[in-house]
Amino acid sequence: MLNIGGQFSPNENGLLNGPPQLWAEQLAEMTFQYGTSAFILAVDDPATIERFAKEVAPATRELVAAERQRK
């Protein structure tokens, strides 16, 4: 498990600072590099939590599943 925080923005600005697809790619990479199996979003903003749940989490799961199928 890993506590994470970040900021959604239209442009890539580093780790977990950019569009949802960037977050998903970075979280999938963390899954493979460090074996992280769960992410805890450490924010209290309802809009960020909702966006993470609707966009980032499903995209991350898809990226991880696709990579595992290739191996």
PDB file of N, CA and C in Angstrom:
ATOM      1  N   MET A   1       0.853  -1.174   0.000  1.00  0.00           N
ATOM      2  CA  MET A   1       0.000   0.000   0.000  1.00  0.00           C
ATOM      3  C   MET A   1       0.895   1.233   0.000  1.00  0.00           C
ATOM      4  N   LEU A   2       0.412   2.257  -0.699  1.00  0.00           N
ATOM      5  CA  LEU A   2       1.179   3.490  -0.802  1.00  0.00           C
ATOM      6  C   LEU A   2       0.241   4.680  -0.720  1.00  0.00           C
ATOM      7  N   ASN A   3       0.531   5.592   0.192  1.00  0.00           N
ATOM      8  CA  ASN A   3      -0.208   6.852   0.253  1.00  0.00           C
ATOM      9  C   ASN A   3       0.278   7.745  -0.875  1.00  0.00           C
ATOM     10  N   ILE A   4      -0.667   8.315  -1.620  1.00  0.00           N
ATOM     11  CA  ILE A   4      -0.298   9.190  -2.726  1.00  0.00           C
ATOM     12  C   ILE A   4      -1.099  10.485  -2.648  1.00  0.00           C
ATOM     13  N   GLY A   5      -0.573  11.484  -3.274  1.00  0.00           N
ATOM     14  CA  GLY A   5      -1.258  12.757  -3.423  1.00  0.00           C
ATOM     15  C   GLY A   5      -0.740  13.392  -4.696  1.00  0.00           C
ATOM     16  N   GLY A   6      -1.486  14.279  -5.240  1.00  0.00           N
ATOM     17  CA  GLY A   6      -1.067  14.921  -6.469  1.00  0.00           C
ATOM     18  C   GLY A   6      -2.054  15.985  -6.880  1.00  0.00           C
ATOM     19  N   GLN A   7      -1.890  16.420  -8.108  1.00  0.00           N
ATOM     20  CA  GLN A   7      -2.759  17.473  -8.625  1.00  0.00           C
ATOM     21  C   GLN A   7      -3.080  17.187 -10.086  1.00  0.00           C
ATOM     22  N   PHE A   8      -4.348  17.268 -10.412  1.00  0.00           N
ATOM     23  CA  PHE A   8      -4.736  17.136 -11.810  1.00  0.00           C
ATOM     24  C   PHE A   8      -4.499  18.473 -12.505  1.00  0.00           C
ATOM     25  N   SER A   9      -3.903  18.392 -13.679  1.00  0.00           N
ATOM     26  CA  SER A   9      -3.684  19.585 -14.489  1.00  0.00           C
ATOM     27  C   SER A   9      -3.675  19.150 -15.951  1.00  0.00           C
ATOM     28  N   PRO A  10      -3.871  20.077 -16.868  1.00  0.00           N
ATOM     29  CA  PRO A  10      -3.932  19.702 -18.281  1.00  0.00           C
ATOM     30  C   PRO A  10      -2.593  19.253 -18.861  1.00  0.00           C
ATOM     31  N   ASN A  11      -1.491  19.682 -18.257  1.00  0.00           N
ATOM     32  CA  ASN A  11      -0.166  19.369 -18.787  1.00  0.00           C
ATOM     33  C   ASN A  11       0.629  18.533 -17.796  1.00  0.00           C
ATOM     34  N   GLU A  12       1.540  17.741 -18.329  1.00  0.00           N
ATOM     35  CA  GLU A  12       2.413  16.929 -17.485  1.00  0.00           C
ATOM     36  C   GLU A  12       3.402  17.829 -16.760  1.00  0.00           C
ATOM     37  N   ASN A  13       3.397  17.727 -15.429  1.00  0.00           N
ATOM     38  CA  ASN A  13       4.276  18.569 -14.620  1.00  0.00           C
ATOM     39  C   ASN A  13       5.020  17.770 -13.563  1.00  0.00           C
ATOM     40  N   GLY A  14       5.254  16.500 -13.800  1.00  0.00           N
ATOM     41  CA  GLY A  14       5.988  15.679 -12.843  1.00  0.00           C
ATOM     42  C   GLY A  14       5.146  14.552 -12.287  1.00  0.00           C
ATOM     43  N   LEU A  15       5.616  13.998 -11.184  1.00  0.00           N
ATOM     44  CA  LEU A  15       4.958  12.845 -10.582  1.00  0.00           C
ATOM     45  C   LEU A  15       3.580  13.216 -10.050  1.00  0.00           C
ATOM     46  N   LEU A  16       2.576  12.515 -10.554  1.00  0.00           N
ATOM     47  CA  LEU A  16       1.176  12.717 -10.165  1.00  0.00           C
ATOM     48  C   LEU A  16       0.767  14.183 -10.225  1.00  0.00           C
ATOM     49  N   ASN A  17       1.209  14.835 -11.268  1.00  0.00           N
ATOM     50  CA  ASN A  17       0.830  16.214 -11.533  1.00  0.00           C
ATOM     51  C   ASN A  17       0.624  16.344 -13.034  1.00  0.00           C
ATOM     52  N   GLY A  18      -0.624  16.152 -13.435  1.00  0.00           N
ATOM     53  CA  GLY A  18      -0.962  16.173 -14.849  1.00  0.00           C
ATOM     54  C   GLY A  18      -2.337  15.572 -15.065  1.00  0.00           C
ATOM     55  N   PRO A  19      -2.611  15.190 -16.305  1.00  0.00           N
ATOM     56  CA  PRO A  19      -3.926  14.613 -16.618  1.00  0.00           C
ATOM     57  C   PRO A  19      -4.080  13.202 -16.043  1.00  0.00           C
ATOM     58  N   PRO A  20      -5.314  12.729 -15.912  1.00  0.00           N
ATOM     59  CA  PRO A  20      -5.565  11.403 -15.331  1.00  0.00           C
ATOM     60  C   PRO A  20      -4.785  10.269 -16.005  1.00  0.00           C
ATOM     61  N   GLN A  21      -4.621  10.315 -17.316  1.00  0.00           N
ATOM     62  CA  GLN A  21      -3.893   9.242 -17.999  1.00  0.00           C
ATOM     63  C   GLN A  21      -2.441   9.187 -17.542  1.00  0.00           C
ATOM     64  N   LEU A  22      -1.844  10.334 -17.286  1.00  0.00           N
ATOM     65  CA  LEU A  22      -0.479  10.370 -16.767  1.00  0.00           C
ATOM     66  C   LEU A  22      -0.420   9.716 -15.393  1.00  0.00           C
ATOM     67  N   TRP A  23      -1.386  10.054 -14.542  1.00  0.00           N
ATOM     68  CA  TRP A  23      -1.451   9.427 -13.224  1.00  0.00           C
ATOM     69  C   TRP A  23      -1.518   7.910 -13.378  1.00  0.00           C
ATOM     70  N   ALA A  24      -2.390   7.439 -14.262  1.00  0.00           N
ATOM     71  CA  ALA A  24      -2.565   5.997 -14.445  1.00  0.00           C
ATOM     72  C   ALA A  24      -1.263   5.343 -14.889  1.00  0.00           C
ATOM     73  N   GLU A  25      -0.572   5.961 -15.825  1.00  0.00           N
ATOM     74  CA  GLU A  25       0.690   5.408 -16.303  1.00  0.00           C
ATOM     75  C   GLU A  25       1.729   5.368 -15.187  1.00  0.00           C
ATOM     76  N   GLN A  26       1.808   6.425 -14.404  1.00  0.00           N
ATOM     77  CA  GLN A  26       2.781   6.471 -13.323  1.00  0.00           C
ATOM     78  C   GLN A  26       2.437   5.472 -12.222  1.00  0.00           C
ATOM     79  N   LEU A  27       1.173   5.325 -11.898  1.00  0.00           N
ATOM     80  CA  LEU A  27       0.781   4.361 -10.872  1.00  0.00           C
ATOM     81  C   LEU A  27       0.999   2.930 -11.345  1.00  0.00           C
ATOM     82  N   ALA A  28       0.729   2.659 -12.610  1.00  0.00           N
ATOM     83  CA  ALA A  28       0.989   1.323 -13.150  1.00  0.00           C
ATOM     84  C   ALA A  28       2.482   1.016 -13.080  1.00  0.00           C
ATOM     85  N   GLU A  29       3.303   1.995 -13.384  1.00  0.00           N
ATOM     86  CA  GLU A  29       4.750   1.808 -13.295  1.00  0.00           C
ATOM     87  C   GLU A  29       5.173   1.498 -11.860  1.00  0.00           C
ATOM     88  N   MET A  30       4.584   2.195 -10.898  1.00  0.00           N
ATOM     89  CA  MET A  30       4.892   1.920  -9.488  1.00  0.00           C
ATOM     90  C   MET A  30       4.488   0.501  -9.108  1.00  0.00           C
ATOM     91  N   THR A  31       3.377   0.049  -9.663  1.00  0.00           N
ATOM     92  CA  THR A  31       2.913  -1.310  -9.393  1.00  0.00           C
ATOM     93  C   THR A  31       3.958  -2.320  -9.825  1.00  0.00           C
ATOM     94  N   PHE A  32       4.511  -2.130 -11.004  1.00  0.00           N
ATOM     95  CA  PHE A  32       5.493  -3.086 -11.509  1.00  0.00           C
ATOM     96  C   PHE A  32       6.873  -2.900 -10.897  1.00  0.00           C
ATOM     97  N   GLN A  33       7.272  -1.681 -10.663  1.00  0.00           N
ATOM     98  CA  GLN A  33       8.609  -1.425 -10.141  1.00  0.00           C
ATOM     99  C   GLN A  33       8.744  -1.782  -8.664  1.00  0.00           C
ATOM    100  N   TYR A  34       7.712  -1.471  -7.880  1.00  0.00           N
ATOM    101  CA  TYR A  34       7.814  -1.656  -6.432  1.00  0.00           C
ATOM    102  C   TYR A  34       6.858  -2.701  -5.864  1.00  0.00           C
ATOM    103  N   GLY A  35       5.982  -3.252  -6.691  1.00  0.00           N
ATOM    104  CA  GLY A  35       5.043  -4.255  -6.215  1.00  0.00           C
ATOM    105  C   GLY A  35       3.871  -3.686  -5.433  1.00  0.00           C
ATOM    106  N   THR A  36       3.615  -2.410  -5.612  1.00  0.00           N
ATOM    107  CA  THR A  36       2.504  -1.774  -4.905  1.00  0.00           C
ATOM    108  C   THR A  36       1.196  -2.370  -5.393  1.00  0.00           C
ATOM    109  N   SER A  37       0.352  -2.763  -4.457  1.00  0.00           N
ATOM    110  CA  SER A  37      -0.913  -3.380  -4.850  1.00  0.00           C
ATOM    111  C   SER A  37      -2.121  -2.524  -4.502  1.00  0.00           C
ATOM    112  N   ALA A  38      -1.915  -1.447  -3.761  1.00  0.00           N
ATOM    113  CA  ALA A  38      -3.022  -0.564  -3.400  1.00  0.00           C
ATOM    114  C   ALA A  38      -2.493   0.851  -3.215  1.00  0.00           C
ATOM    115  N   PHE A  39      -3.295   1.801  -3.610  1.00  0.00           N
ATOM    116  CA  PHE A  39      -2.944   3.208  -3.466  1.00  0.00           C
ATOM    117  C   PHE A  39      -4.004   3.890  -2.623  1.00  0.00           C
ATOM    118  N   ILE A  40      -3.559   4.672  -1.660  1.00  0.00           N
ATOM    119  CA  ILE A  40      -4.465   5.426  -0.793  1.00  0.00           C
ATOM    120  C   ILE A  40      -4.327   6.894  -1.180  1.00  0.00           C
ATOM    121  N   LEU A  41      -5.388   7.453  -1.692  1.00  0.00           N
ATOM    122  CA  LEU A  41      -5.371   8.844  -2.135  1.00  0.00           C
ATOM    123  C   LEU A  41      -5.523   9.748  -0.913  1.00  0.00           C
ATOM    124  N   ALA A  42      -4.460  10.443  -0.558  1.00  0.00           N
ATOM    125  CA  ALA A  42      -4.420  11.264   0.647  1.00  0.00           C
ATOM    126  C   ALA A  42      -4.812  12.706   0.342  1.00  0.00           C
ATOM    127  N   VAL A  43      -6.065  12.889  -0.007  1.00  0.00           N
ATOM    128  CA  VAL A  43      -6.609  14.225  -0.266  1.00  0.00           C
ATOM    129  C   VAL A  43      -7.997  14.311   0.352  1.00  0.00           C
ATOM    130  N   ASP A  44      -8.466  15.515   0.541  1.00  0.00           N
ATOM    131  CA  ASP A  44      -9.814  15.678   1.081  1.00  0.00           C
ATOM    132  C   ASP A  44     -10.735  16.448   0.140  1.00  0.00           C
ATOM    133  N   ASP A  45     -10.306  16.629  -1.096  1.00  0.00           N
ATOM    134  CA  ASP A  45     -11.102  17.340  -2.083  1.00  0.00           C
ATOM    135  C   ASP A  45     -12.039  16.357  -2.801  1.00  0.00           C
ATOM    136  N   PRO A  46     -13.352  16.513  -2.649  1.00  0.00           N
ATOM    137  CA  PRO A  46     -14.295  15.570  -3.270  1.00  0.00           C
ATOM    138  C   PRO A  46     -14.136  15.450  -4.790  1.00  0.00           C
ATOM    139  N   ALA A  47     -13.848  16.540  -5.470  1.00  0.00           N
ATOM    140  CA  ALA A  47     -13.696  16.486  -6.928  1.00  0.00           C
ATOM    141  C   ALA A  47     -12.485  15.646  -7.327  1.00  0.00           C
ATOM    142  N   THR A  48     -11.397  15.764  -6.594  1.00  0.00           N
ATOM    143  CA  THR A  48     -10.200  14.970  -6.881  1.00  0.00           C
ATOM    144  C   THR A  48     -10.466  13.495  -6.611  1.00  0.00           C
ATOM    145  N   ILE A  49     -11.138  13.202  -5.514  1.00  0.00           N
ATOM    146  CA  ILE A  49     -11.456  11.815  -5.178  1.00  0.00           C
ATOM    147  C   ILE A  49     -12.352  11.195  -6.253  1.00  0.00           C
ATOM    148  N   GLU A  50     -13.344  11.935  -6.683  1.00  0.00           N
ATOM    149  CA  GLU A  50     -14.259  11.427  -7.713  1.00  0.00           C
ATOM    150  C   GLU A  50     -13.538  11.208  -9.039  1.00  0.00           C
ATOM    151  N   ARG A  51     -12.703  12.141  -9.417  1.00  0.00           N
ATOM    152  CA  ARG A  51     -11.975  12.003 -10.685  1.00  0.00           C
ATOM    153  C   ARG A  51     -11.017  10.818 -10.623  1.00  0.00           C
ATOM    154  N   PHE A  52     -10.364  10.653  -9.503  1.00  0.00           N
ATOM    155  CA  PHE A  52      -9.471   9.513  -9.337  1.00  0.00           C
ATOM    156  C   PHE A  52     -10.248   8.199  -9.480  1.00  0.00           C
ATOM    157  N   ALA A  53     -11.394   8.132  -8.819  1.00  0.00           N
ATOM    158  CA  ALA A  53     -12.197   6.904  -8.851  1.00  0.00           C
ATOM    159  C   ALA A  53     -12.760   6.615 -10.237  1.00  0.00           C
ATOM    160  N   LYS A  54     -13.159   7.643 -10.957  1.00  0.00           N
ATOM    161  CA  LYS A  54     -13.793   7.445 -12.263  1.00  0.00           C
ATOM    162  C   LYS A  54     -12.800   7.282 -13.407  1.00  0.00           C
ATOM    163  N   GLU A  55     -11.637   7.933 -13.305  1.00  0.00           N
ATOM    164  CA  GLU A  55     -10.716   7.950 -14.435  1.00  0.00           C
ATOM    165  C   GLU A  55      -9.392   7.245 -14.164  1.00  0.00           C
ATOM    166  N   VAL A  56      -8.755   7.578 -13.055  1.00  0.00           N
ATOM    167  CA  VAL A  56      -7.411   7.061 -12.803  1.00  0.00           C
ATOM    168  C   VAL A  56      -7.424   5.596 -12.404  1.00  0.00           C
ATOM    169  N   ALA A  57      -8.236   5.222 -11.440  1.00  0.00           N
ATOM    170  CA  ALA A  57      -8.238   3.841 -10.948  1.00  0.00           C
ATOM    171  C   ALA A  57      -8.559   2.834 -12.059  1.00  0.00           C
ATOM    172  N   PRO A  58      -9.621   3.052 -12.851  1.00  0.00           N
ATOM    173  CA  PRO A  58      -9.901   2.080 -13.915  1.00  0.00           C
ATOM    174  C   PRO A  58      -8.790   2.010 -14.972  1.00  0.00           C
ATOM    175  N   ALA A  59      -8.233   3.157 -15.325  1.00  0.00           N
ATOM    176  CA  ALA A  59      -7.165   3.176 -16.330  1.00  0.00           C
ATOM    177  C   ALA A  59      -5.918   2.475 -15.810  1.00  0.00           C
ATOM    178  N   THR A  60      -5.624   2.656 -14.528  1.00  0.00           N
ATOM    179  CA  THR A  60      -4.468   1.977 -13.928  1.00  0.00           C
ATOM    180  C   THR A  60      -4.676   0.472 -13.948  1.00  0.00           C
ATOM    181  N   ARG A  61      -5.862   0.039 -13.564  1.00  0.00           N
ATOM    182  CA  ARG A  61      -6.157  -1.409 -13.584  1.00  0.00           C
ATOM    183  C   ARG A  61      -6.009  -1.978 -14.990  1.00  0.00           C
ATOM    184  N   GLU A  62      -6.478  -1.252 -15.985  1.00  0.00           N
ATOM    185  CA  GLU A  62      -6.371  -1.718 -17.376  1.00  0.00           C
ATOM    186  C   GLU A  62      -4.917  -1.832 -17.812  1.00  0.00           C
ATOM    187  N   LEU A  63      -4.105  -0.841 -17.481  1.00  0.00           N
ATOM    188  CA  LEU A  63      -2.685  -0.882 -17.847  1.00  0.00           C
ATOM    189  C   LEU A  63      -1.977  -2.046 -17.173  1.00  0.00           C
ATOM    190  N   VAL A  64      -2.252  -2.271 -15.909  1.00  0.00           N
ATOM    191  CA  VAL A  64      -1.622  -3.366 -15.173  1.00  0.00           C
ATOM    192  C   VAL A  64      -2.067  -4.714 -15.757  1.00  0.00           C
ATOM    193  N   ALA A  65      -3.345  -4.854 -16.009  1.00  0.00           N
ATOM    194  CA  ALA A  65      -3.855  -6.124 -16.574  1.00  0.00           C
ATOM    195  C   ALA A  65      -3.247  -6.406 -17.943  1.00  0.00           C
ATOM    196  N   ALA A  66      -3.154  -5.369 -18.775  1.00  0.00           N
ATOM    197  CA  ALA A  66      -2.584  -5.551 -20.113  1.00  0.00           C
ATOM    198  C   ALA A  66      -1.119  -5.977 -20.033  1.00  0.00           C
ATOM    199  N   GLU A  67      -0.383  -5.354 -19.145  1.00  0.00           N
ATOM    200  CA  GLU A  67       1.042  -5.712 -18.992  1.00  0.00           C
ATOM    201  C   GLU A  67       1.203  -7.129 -18.460  1.00  0.00           C
ATOM    202  N   ARG A  68       0.350  -7.508 -17.530  1.00  0.00           N
ATOM    203  CA  ARG A  68       0.447  -8.873 -16.977  1.00  0.00           C
ATOM    204  C   ARG A  68       0.096  -9.922 -18.031  1.00  0.00           C
ATOM    205  N   GLN A  69      -0.803  -9.609 -18.938  1.00  0.00           N
ATOM    206  CA  GLN A  69      -1.160 -10.552 -20.005  1.00  0.00           C
ATOM    207  C   GLN A  69      -0.009 -10.744 -20.987  1.00  0.00           C
ATOM    208  N   ARG A  70       0.778  -9.677 -21.178  1.00  0.00           N
ATOM    209  CA  ARG A  70       1.905  -9.763 -22.115  1.00  0.00           C
ATOM    210  C   ARG A  70       3.033 -10.635 -21.585  1.00  0.00           C
ATOM    211  N   LYS A  71       3.093 -10.804 -20.273  1.00  0.00           N
ATOM    212  CA  LYS A  71       4.206 -11.570 -19.672  1.00  0.00           C
ATOM    213  C   LYS A  71       3.909 -13.025 -19.595  1.00  0.00           C
TER     214      LYS A  71
END
